[in-house]
N, C-alpha and C. Protein backbone atom coordinates (compact mmCIF):
# COMPACT_ATOMS: atom_id res chain seq x y z
N UNK A 1 47.91 50.25 35.40
CA UNK A 1 48.55 50.90 34.29
C UNK A 1 47.99 50.32 33.00
N UNK A 2 47.45 51.17 32.16
CA UNK A 2 46.87 50.73 30.90
C UNK A 2 47.98 50.40 29.90
N UNK A 3 47.78 49.33 29.17
CA UNK A 3 48.75 48.92 28.16
C UNK A 3 48.30 49.46 26.82
N UNK A 4 49.17 50.21 26.17
CA UNK A 4 48.85 50.72 24.84
C UNK A 4 49.54 49.82 23.83
N UNK A 5 48.76 48.98 23.18
CA UNK A 5 49.32 47.99 22.26
C UNK A 5 50.00 48.66 21.07
N UNK A 6 49.47 49.76 20.61
CA UNK A 6 50.07 50.45 19.47
C UNK A 6 51.45 50.98 19.82
N UNK A 7 51.59 51.55 21.01
CA UNK A 7 52.89 52.05 21.44
C UNK A 7 53.87 50.89 21.61
N UNK A 8 53.40 49.78 22.19
CA UNK A 8 54.27 48.61 22.37
C UNK A 8 54.74 48.07 21.02
N UNK A 9 53.84 48.00 20.06
CA UNK A 9 54.22 47.49 18.73
C UNK A 9 55.20 48.44 18.07
N UNK A 10 55.00 49.73 18.22
CA UNK A 10 55.92 50.71 17.64
C UNK A 10 57.30 50.57 18.27
N UNK A 11 57.34 50.44 19.58
CA UNK A 11 58.61 50.25 20.28
C UNK A 11 59.28 48.96 19.84
N UNK A 12 58.51 47.90 19.69
CA UNK A 12 59.07 46.61 19.26
C UNK A 12 59.68 46.74 17.88
N UNK A 13 59.02 47.44 16.97
CA UNK A 13 59.56 47.63 15.62
C UNK A 13 60.87 48.41 15.67
N UNK A 14 60.93 49.43 16.53
CA UNK A 14 62.17 50.21 16.67
C UNK A 14 63.28 49.35 17.28
N UNK A 15 62.94 48.51 18.25
CA UNK A 15 63.94 47.62 18.85
C UNK A 15 64.49 46.64 17.83
N UNK A 16 63.62 46.16 16.94
CA UNK A 16 64.07 45.24 15.89
C UNK A 16 65.08 45.96 14.98
N UNK A 17 64.73 47.19 14.59
CA UNK A 17 65.63 47.96 13.72
C UNK A 17 66.96 48.24 14.42
N UNK A 18 66.90 48.61 15.70
CA UNK A 18 68.12 48.87 16.46
C UNK A 18 68.97 47.62 16.64
N UNK A 19 68.33 46.47 16.85
CA UNK A 19 69.06 45.22 17.01
C UNK A 19 69.79 44.86 15.71
N UNK A 20 69.11 45.02 14.60
CA UNK A 20 69.74 44.71 13.30
C UNK A 20 70.93 45.63 13.02
N UNK A 21 70.81 46.88 13.47
CA UNK A 21 71.86 47.86 13.18
C UNK A 21 73.04 47.74 14.14
N UNK A 22 72.75 47.58 15.45
CA UNK A 22 73.82 47.67 16.44
C UNK A 22 74.19 46.34 17.09
N UNK A 23 73.35 45.34 17.06
CA UNK A 23 73.66 44.05 17.69
C UNK A 23 73.42 42.90 16.71
N UNK A 24 74.01 42.93 15.54
CA UNK A 24 73.69 41.89 14.55
C UNK A 24 74.19 40.50 14.94
N UNK A 25 75.25 40.41 15.74
CA UNK A 25 75.79 39.08 16.07
C UNK A 25 76.00 38.88 17.56
N UNK A 26 75.70 39.87 18.38
CA UNK A 26 75.97 39.80 19.81
C UNK A 26 74.82 39.11 20.53
N UNK A 27 75.15 38.13 21.40
CA UNK A 27 74.14 37.49 22.24
C UNK A 27 73.79 38.41 23.39
N UNK A 28 72.54 38.32 23.84
CA UNK A 28 72.05 39.18 24.92
C UNK A 28 71.51 38.28 26.02
N UNK A 29 71.87 38.58 27.28
CA UNK A 29 71.37 37.83 28.42
C UNK A 29 70.29 38.65 29.11
N UNK A 30 69.07 38.11 29.20
CA UNK A 30 67.94 38.78 29.85
C UNK A 30 67.35 37.85 30.90
N UNK A 31 67.33 38.29 32.14
CA UNK A 31 66.80 37.50 33.26
C UNK A 31 67.44 36.12 33.31
N UNK A 32 68.72 36.04 33.06
CA UNK A 32 69.46 34.79 33.16
C UNK A 32 69.34 33.89 31.94
N UNK A 33 68.67 34.33 30.90
CA UNK A 33 68.50 33.52 29.69
C UNK A 33 69.24 34.23 28.55
N UNK A 34 70.02 33.44 27.80
CA UNK A 34 70.79 34.00 26.69
C UNK A 34 69.96 33.91 25.41
N UNK A 35 69.85 35.05 24.71
CA UNK A 35 69.08 35.14 23.46
C UNK A 35 70.01 35.57 22.34
N UNK A 36 69.78 35.02 21.17
CA UNK A 36 70.49 35.50 19.99
C UNK A 36 69.67 36.67 19.43
N UNK A 37 70.31 37.52 18.61
CA UNK A 37 69.55 38.61 18.01
C UNK A 37 68.35 38.11 17.21
N UNK A 38 68.48 36.97 16.53
CA UNK A 38 67.37 36.43 15.74
C UNK A 38 66.20 36.04 16.65
N UNK A 39 66.49 35.45 17.81
CA UNK A 39 65.41 35.09 18.75
C UNK A 39 64.70 36.34 19.26
N UNK A 40 65.48 37.37 19.59
CA UNK A 40 64.88 38.62 20.06
C UNK A 40 64.02 39.25 18.97
N UNK A 41 64.53 39.26 17.74
CA UNK A 41 63.78 39.84 16.63
C UNK A 41 62.48 39.07 16.40
N UNK A 42 62.53 37.74 16.53
CA UNK A 42 61.32 36.92 16.35
C UNK A 42 60.29 37.25 17.42
N UNK A 43 60.72 37.36 18.67
CA UNK A 43 59.80 37.68 19.77
C UNK A 43 59.18 39.07 19.58
N UNK A 44 60.02 40.02 19.23
CA UNK A 44 59.52 41.39 19.03
C UNK A 44 58.60 41.46 17.81
N UNK A 45 58.92 40.70 16.76
CA UNK A 45 58.07 40.70 15.57
C UNK A 45 56.71 40.10 15.89
N UNK A 46 56.66 39.15 16.83
CA UNK A 46 55.39 38.57 17.25
C UNK A 46 54.50 39.65 17.85
N UNK A 47 55.10 40.53 18.67
CA UNK A 47 54.33 41.65 19.24
C UNK A 47 53.78 42.55 18.13
N UNK A 48 54.60 42.86 17.15
CA UNK A 48 54.17 43.71 16.04
C UNK A 48 53.04 43.03 15.27
N UNK A 49 53.20 41.73 14.98
CA UNK A 49 52.18 41.00 14.23
C UNK A 49 50.86 40.92 14.98
N UNK A 50 50.94 40.69 16.30
CA UNK A 50 49.72 40.63 17.12
C UNK A 50 48.97 41.96 17.07
N UNK A 51 49.70 43.07 17.19
CA UNK A 51 49.06 44.38 17.14
C UNK A 51 48.45 44.65 15.77
N UNK A 52 49.17 44.27 14.72
CA UNK A 52 48.65 44.47 13.37
C UNK A 52 47.35 43.68 13.18
N UNK A 53 47.34 42.45 13.66
CA UNK A 53 46.13 41.62 13.56
C UNK A 53 44.99 42.22 14.37
N UNK A 54 45.33 42.73 15.56
CA UNK A 54 44.31 43.35 16.42
C UNK A 54 43.71 44.58 15.74
N UNK A 55 44.54 45.43 15.16
CA UNK A 55 44.05 46.63 14.48
C UNK A 55 43.18 46.26 13.28
N UNK A 56 43.59 45.23 12.56
CA UNK A 56 42.78 44.79 11.41
C UNK A 56 41.43 44.27 11.88
N UNK A 57 41.42 43.53 12.98
CA UNK A 57 40.16 43.01 13.52
C UNK A 57 39.27 44.15 14.00
N UNK A 58 39.88 45.16 14.62
CA UNK A 58 39.09 46.32 15.07
C UNK A 58 38.49 47.05 13.87
N UNK A 59 39.27 47.22 12.82
CA UNK A 59 38.76 47.90 11.63
C UNK A 59 37.61 47.10 11.02
N UNK A 60 37.77 45.79 10.97
CA UNK A 60 36.70 44.94 10.44
C UNK A 60 35.46 45.04 11.32
N UNK A 61 35.68 45.03 12.63
CA UNK A 61 34.54 45.13 13.55
C UNK A 61 33.83 46.47 13.39
N UNK A 62 34.59 47.56 13.23
CA UNK A 62 33.96 48.87 13.03
C UNK A 62 33.15 48.89 11.74
N UNK A 63 33.69 48.29 10.69
CA UNK A 63 32.99 48.25 9.42
C UNK A 63 31.70 47.44 9.54
N UNK A 64 31.80 46.30 10.21
CA UNK A 64 30.61 45.46 10.38
C UNK A 64 29.59 46.13 11.29
N UNK A 65 30.05 46.85 12.31
CA UNK A 65 29.12 47.55 13.20
C UNK A 65 28.40 48.66 12.44
N UNK A 66 29.11 49.36 11.57
CA UNK A 66 28.47 50.42 10.78
C UNK A 66 27.45 49.82 9.82
N UNK A 67 27.79 48.68 9.21
CA UNK A 67 26.85 48.02 8.31
C UNK A 67 25.62 47.54 9.07
N UNK A 68 25.85 46.99 10.25
CA UNK A 68 24.73 46.51 11.08
C UNK A 68 23.83 47.68 11.48
N UNK A 69 24.43 48.80 11.84
CA UNK A 69 23.65 49.97 12.26
C UNK A 69 22.82 50.52 11.10
N UNK A 70 23.39 50.47 9.90
CA UNK A 70 22.68 51.00 8.74
C UNK A 70 21.59 50.06 8.24
N UNK A 71 21.83 48.76 8.30
CA UNK A 71 20.91 47.80 7.71
C UNK A 71 19.87 47.25 8.68
N UNK A 72 20.12 47.34 9.97
CA UNK A 72 19.21 46.73 10.94
C UNK A 72 17.81 47.34 11.01
N UNK A 73 17.64 48.66 11.03
CA UNK A 73 16.28 49.19 11.20
C UNK A 73 15.27 48.68 10.18
N UNK A 74 15.56 48.71 8.87
CA UNK A 74 14.54 48.18 7.96
C UNK A 74 14.35 46.67 8.10
N UNK A 75 15.43 45.97 8.42
CA UNK A 75 15.31 44.51 8.58
C UNK A 75 14.50 44.17 9.83
N UNK A 76 14.70 44.94 10.91
CA UNK A 76 13.91 44.69 12.12
C UNK A 76 12.44 45.01 11.87
N UNK A 77 12.18 46.05 11.08
CA UNK A 77 10.80 46.38 10.72
C UNK A 77 10.15 45.26 9.93
N UNK A 78 10.90 44.70 8.99
CA UNK A 78 10.40 43.57 8.20
C UNK A 78 10.15 42.37 9.09
N UNK A 79 11.07 42.11 10.02
CA UNK A 79 10.91 40.99 10.93
C UNK A 79 9.68 41.18 11.81
N UNK A 80 9.47 42.39 12.30
CA UNK A 80 8.31 42.69 13.14
C UNK A 80 7.02 42.47 12.36
N UNK A 81 7.00 42.91 11.11
CA UNK A 81 5.82 42.71 10.28
C UNK A 81 5.57 41.22 10.03
N UNK A 82 6.64 40.46 9.84
CA UNK A 82 6.50 39.02 9.62
C UNK A 82 5.98 38.33 10.88
N UNK A 83 6.46 38.74 12.05
CA UNK A 83 5.97 38.18 13.31
C UNK A 83 4.47 38.46 13.43
N UNK A 84 4.06 39.69 13.11
CA UNK A 84 2.64 40.03 13.17
C UNK A 84 1.85 39.16 12.19
N UNK A 85 2.39 38.95 10.99
CA UNK A 85 1.72 38.10 10.00
C UNK A 85 1.55 36.67 10.53
N UNK A 86 2.62 36.14 11.11
CA UNK A 86 2.55 34.77 11.64
C UNK A 86 1.50 34.68 12.74
N UNK A 87 1.47 35.68 13.62
CA UNK A 87 0.50 35.65 14.71
C UNK A 87 -0.93 35.77 14.20
N UNK A 88 -1.13 36.60 13.17
CA UNK A 88 -2.47 36.74 12.60
C UNK A 88 -2.86 35.46 11.87
N UNK A 89 -1.92 34.89 11.15
CA UNK A 89 -2.21 33.70 10.36
C UNK A 89 -2.50 32.49 11.23
N UNK A 90 -1.70 32.29 12.26
CA UNK A 90 -1.82 31.07 13.06
C UNK A 90 -2.46 31.29 14.42
N UNK A 91 -2.82 32.51 14.73
CA UNK A 91 -3.53 32.79 15.98
C UNK A 91 -2.71 32.41 17.21
N UNK A 92 -3.38 31.79 18.15
CA UNK A 92 -2.73 31.40 19.40
C UNK A 92 -2.43 29.90 19.43
N UNK A 93 -2.12 29.31 18.30
CA UNK A 93 -1.79 27.89 18.24
C UNK A 93 -0.37 27.70 18.77
N UNK A 94 -0.22 27.17 19.98
CA UNK A 94 1.10 27.12 20.61
C UNK A 94 2.14 26.31 19.84
N UNK A 95 1.74 25.15 19.28
CA UNK A 95 2.74 24.31 18.63
C UNK A 95 3.26 24.96 17.33
N UNK A 96 2.40 25.61 16.58
CA UNK A 96 2.83 26.27 15.35
C UNK A 96 3.68 27.50 15.69
N UNK A 97 3.25 28.30 16.67
CA UNK A 97 4.01 29.47 17.06
C UNK A 97 5.39 29.08 17.60
N UNK A 98 5.45 27.95 18.30
CA UNK A 98 6.73 27.48 18.83
C UNK A 98 7.69 27.15 17.69
N UNK A 99 7.16 26.63 16.57
CA UNK A 99 8.01 26.35 15.41
C UNK A 99 8.65 27.62 14.87
N UNK A 100 8.00 28.76 15.05
CA UNK A 100 8.54 30.04 14.61
C UNK A 100 9.34 30.74 15.72
N UNK A 101 9.42 30.11 16.89
CA UNK A 101 10.14 30.71 18.00
C UNK A 101 9.32 31.74 18.75
N UNK A 102 8.01 31.68 18.60
CA UNK A 102 7.12 32.66 19.25
C UNK A 102 6.31 31.96 20.33
N UNK A 103 5.82 32.74 21.25
CA UNK A 103 4.94 32.21 22.30
C UNK A 103 3.56 32.80 22.10
N UNK A 104 2.53 32.02 22.40
CA UNK A 104 1.17 32.56 22.25
C UNK A 104 0.92 33.67 23.26
N UNK A 105 0.01 34.55 22.88
CA UNK A 105 -0.34 35.65 23.77
C UNK A 105 -1.03 35.10 25.00
N UNK A 106 -0.60 35.57 26.15
CA UNK A 106 -1.17 35.10 27.40
C UNK A 106 -2.53 35.76 27.60
N UNK A 107 -3.52 34.95 27.92
CA UNK A 107 -4.87 35.48 28.16
C UNK A 107 -4.86 36.27 29.46
N UNK A 108 -5.47 37.45 29.45
CA UNK A 108 -5.50 38.24 30.68
C UNK A 108 -6.36 37.54 31.74
N UNK A 109 -5.89 37.60 32.96
CA UNK A 109 -6.67 37.00 34.04
C UNK A 109 -7.75 37.99 34.45
N UNK A 110 -8.98 37.51 34.59
CA UNK A 110 -10.06 38.43 34.97
C UNK A 110 -9.87 38.94 36.39
N UNK A 111 -10.28 40.20 36.59
CA UNK A 111 -10.15 40.80 37.92
C UNK A 111 -11.27 40.30 38.83
N UNK A 112 -10.94 40.21 40.10
CA UNK A 112 -11.96 39.84 41.08
C UNK A 112 -12.81 41.07 41.37
N UNK A 113 -13.90 40.86 42.05
CA UNK A 113 -14.80 41.97 42.40
C UNK A 113 -14.06 42.98 43.28
N UNK A 114 -13.24 42.49 44.20
CA UNK A 114 -12.48 43.39 45.08
C UNK A 114 -11.48 44.23 44.27
N UNK A 115 -10.80 43.59 43.30
CA UNK A 115 -9.82 44.31 42.48
C UNK A 115 -10.51 45.37 41.62
N UNK A 116 -11.69 45.04 41.10
CA UNK A 116 -12.43 46.01 40.30
C UNK A 116 -12.85 47.20 41.15
N UNK A 117 -13.33 46.94 42.36
CA UNK A 117 -13.75 48.02 43.26
C UNK A 117 -12.55 48.89 43.62
N UNK A 118 -11.41 48.27 43.89
CA UNK A 118 -10.21 49.03 44.24
C UNK A 118 -9.77 49.89 43.06
N UNK A 119 -9.81 49.36 41.85
CA UNK A 119 -9.41 50.12 40.66
C UNK A 119 -10.34 51.30 40.44
N UNK A 120 -11.63 51.11 40.63
CA UNK A 120 -12.59 52.20 40.46
C UNK A 120 -12.32 53.29 41.49
N UNK A 121 -12.04 52.92 42.72
CA UNK A 121 -11.76 53.90 43.77
C UNK A 121 -10.47 54.67 43.46
N UNK A 122 -9.46 53.98 42.95
CA UNK A 122 -8.20 54.64 42.60
C UNK A 122 -8.41 55.63 41.46
N UNK A 123 -9.19 55.24 40.45
CA UNK A 123 -9.47 56.15 39.33
C UNK A 123 -10.19 57.41 39.82
N UNK A 124 -11.17 57.23 40.67
CA UNK A 124 -11.92 58.38 41.18
C UNK A 124 -11.01 59.29 42.00
N UNK A 125 -10.15 58.70 42.81
CA UNK A 125 -9.23 59.50 43.64
C UNK A 125 -8.25 60.26 42.75
N UNK A 126 -7.78 59.64 41.69
CA UNK A 126 -6.85 60.30 40.78
C UNK A 126 -7.53 61.46 40.08
N UNK A 127 -8.74 61.27 39.59
CA UNK A 127 -9.46 62.35 38.91
C UNK A 127 -9.71 63.51 39.87
N UNK A 128 -10.03 63.20 41.11
CA UNK A 128 -10.28 64.26 42.10
C UNK A 128 -8.98 65.01 42.41
N UNK A 129 -7.87 64.27 42.53
CA UNK A 129 -6.60 64.90 42.87
C UNK A 129 -6.09 65.77 41.72
N UNK A 130 -6.34 65.34 40.49
CA UNK A 130 -5.84 66.09 39.33
C UNK A 130 -6.87 67.07 38.78
N UNK A 131 -8.06 67.05 39.35
CA UNK A 131 -9.15 67.92 38.91
C UNK A 131 -9.45 67.70 37.42
N UNK A 132 -9.47 66.46 37.00
CA UNK A 132 -9.75 66.16 35.61
C UNK A 132 -11.25 66.00 35.40
N UNK A 133 -11.68 66.36 34.18
CA UNK A 133 -13.10 66.28 33.86
C UNK A 133 -13.25 65.64 32.48
N UNK A 134 -14.42 65.09 32.26
CA UNK A 134 -14.74 64.55 30.95
C UNK A 134 -15.25 65.65 30.03
N UNK A 135 -15.60 65.30 28.79
CA UNK A 135 -16.07 66.27 27.80
C UNK A 135 -17.30 67.03 28.27
N UNK A 136 -18.29 66.29 28.75
CA UNK A 136 -19.54 66.93 29.17
C UNK A 136 -19.34 67.81 30.39
N UNK A 137 -18.49 67.37 31.31
CA UNK A 137 -18.23 68.18 32.50
C UNK A 137 -17.54 69.49 32.12
N UNK A 138 -16.62 69.44 31.15
CA UNK A 138 -15.95 70.66 30.71
C UNK A 138 -16.92 71.61 30.04
N UNK A 139 -17.87 71.07 29.28
CA UNK A 139 -18.87 71.91 28.61
C UNK A 139 -19.74 72.64 29.61
N UNK A 140 -20.01 72.01 30.72
CA UNK A 140 -20.89 72.59 31.72
C UNK A 140 -20.23 73.73 32.48
N UNK A 141 -18.91 73.83 32.46
CA UNK A 141 -18.21 74.87 33.20
C UNK A 141 -18.30 76.18 32.43
N UNK A 142 -18.88 77.20 33.06
CA UNK A 142 -18.99 78.53 32.46
C UNK A 142 -18.38 79.53 33.42
N UNK A 143 -17.62 80.44 32.87
CA UNK A 143 -16.99 81.46 33.71
C UNK A 143 -17.81 82.73 33.75
N UNK A 144 -17.69 83.47 34.83
CA UNK A 144 -18.36 84.77 34.94
C UNK A 144 -17.31 85.80 35.32
N UNK A 145 -17.44 86.98 34.74
CA UNK A 145 -16.50 88.05 35.04
C UNK A 145 -17.17 88.96 36.05
N UNK A 146 -16.51 89.20 37.17
CA UNK A 146 -17.10 90.07 38.19
C UNK A 146 -16.51 91.46 38.16
N UNK A 147 -15.28 91.63 37.71
CA UNK A 147 -14.68 92.97 37.63
C UNK A 147 -13.92 93.09 36.32
N UNK A 148 -13.86 94.31 35.81
CA UNK A 148 -13.09 94.59 34.61
C UNK A 148 -12.02 95.60 34.98
N UNK A 149 -10.78 95.27 34.67
CA UNK A 149 -9.67 96.17 34.96
C UNK A 149 -9.21 96.74 33.64
N UNK A 150 -9.18 98.09 33.56
CA UNK A 150 -8.72 98.75 32.33
C UNK A 150 -7.49 99.56 32.63
N UNK A 151 -6.70 99.83 31.60
CA UNK A 151 -5.50 100.65 31.76
C UNK A 151 -5.89 102.12 31.60
N UNK A 152 -5.45 102.98 32.50
CA UNK A 152 -5.76 104.42 32.38
C UNK A 152 -4.98 105.01 31.21
N UNK A 153 -5.49 106.10 30.62
CA UNK A 153 -4.75 106.78 29.55
C UNK A 153 -3.41 107.26 30.07
N UNK A 154 -2.49 107.54 29.17
CA UNK A 154 -1.12 107.86 29.55
C UNK A 154 -1.03 109.08 30.45
N UNK A 155 -1.85 110.09 30.28
CA UNK A 155 -1.73 111.30 31.09
C UNK A 155 -2.66 111.32 32.29
N UNK A 156 -3.52 110.36 32.46
CA UNK A 156 -4.51 110.39 33.54
C UNK A 156 -3.90 109.92 34.84
N UNK A 157 -4.51 110.39 35.92
CA UNK A 157 -4.06 109.97 37.24
C UNK A 157 -4.56 108.56 37.50
N UNK A 158 -3.73 107.69 38.11
CA UNK A 158 -4.19 106.32 38.37
C UNK A 158 -5.24 106.30 39.45
N UNK A 159 -6.45 106.05 39.06
CA UNK A 159 -7.55 105.96 40.01
C UNK A 159 -8.13 104.56 39.90
N UNK A 160 -8.91 104.14 40.87
CA UNK A 160 -9.54 102.81 40.84
C UNK A 160 -10.47 102.73 39.65
N UNK A 161 -10.22 101.81 38.74
CA UNK A 161 -11.04 101.72 37.54
C UNK A 161 -11.81 100.42 37.47
N UNK A 162 -11.86 99.71 38.53
CA UNK A 162 -12.60 98.44 38.53
C UNK A 162 -14.08 98.74 38.64
N UNK A 163 -14.85 98.14 37.73
CA UNK A 163 -16.30 98.34 37.76
C UNK A 163 -16.94 96.98 37.87
N UNK A 164 -18.04 96.92 38.48
CA UNK A 164 -18.79 95.67 38.59
C UNK A 164 -19.53 95.44 37.30
N UNK A 165 -19.54 94.21 36.87
CA UNK A 165 -20.26 93.83 35.64
C UNK A 165 -21.69 93.56 36.02
N UNK A 166 -22.61 94.24 35.39
CA UNK A 166 -24.02 94.09 35.73
C UNK A 166 -24.75 93.20 34.76
N UNK A 167 -24.08 92.67 33.82
CA UNK A 167 -24.80 91.82 32.86
C UNK A 167 -24.73 90.39 33.26
């Protein structure tokens, strides 16, 4: 069962008002414990105060989240540019980059002869499967038309109009 703090606080405020109006001096026994109206009002007021504080904190959080959402993109862009500047300025010097909280770029490990051969075979297989061609290969492809299909005039009988191209 979900607890709705706003409803609880509203009910607590109404209970306080009802206690002041109808039970101003009467003691109340709840679960074997005797409470004065002032004690009950204090407990109920605590619920109201907690909810009020929670709502204020939520409103503050929403305001701060909206400010963060609005201000972060340009600041992150500036930070990214500064990181790039630091990396360009100091290169791969690990101790200086560590002072900025950055790590040096990891040098790529060279491929073995077997890995290179496997990569070349995979590339060739992919090009064959996708029927991809380079610029020069595309230039070399020329199409030829073997038949021309024309639409007959509106009143003519539909006859075979395909002719062989002799050029």
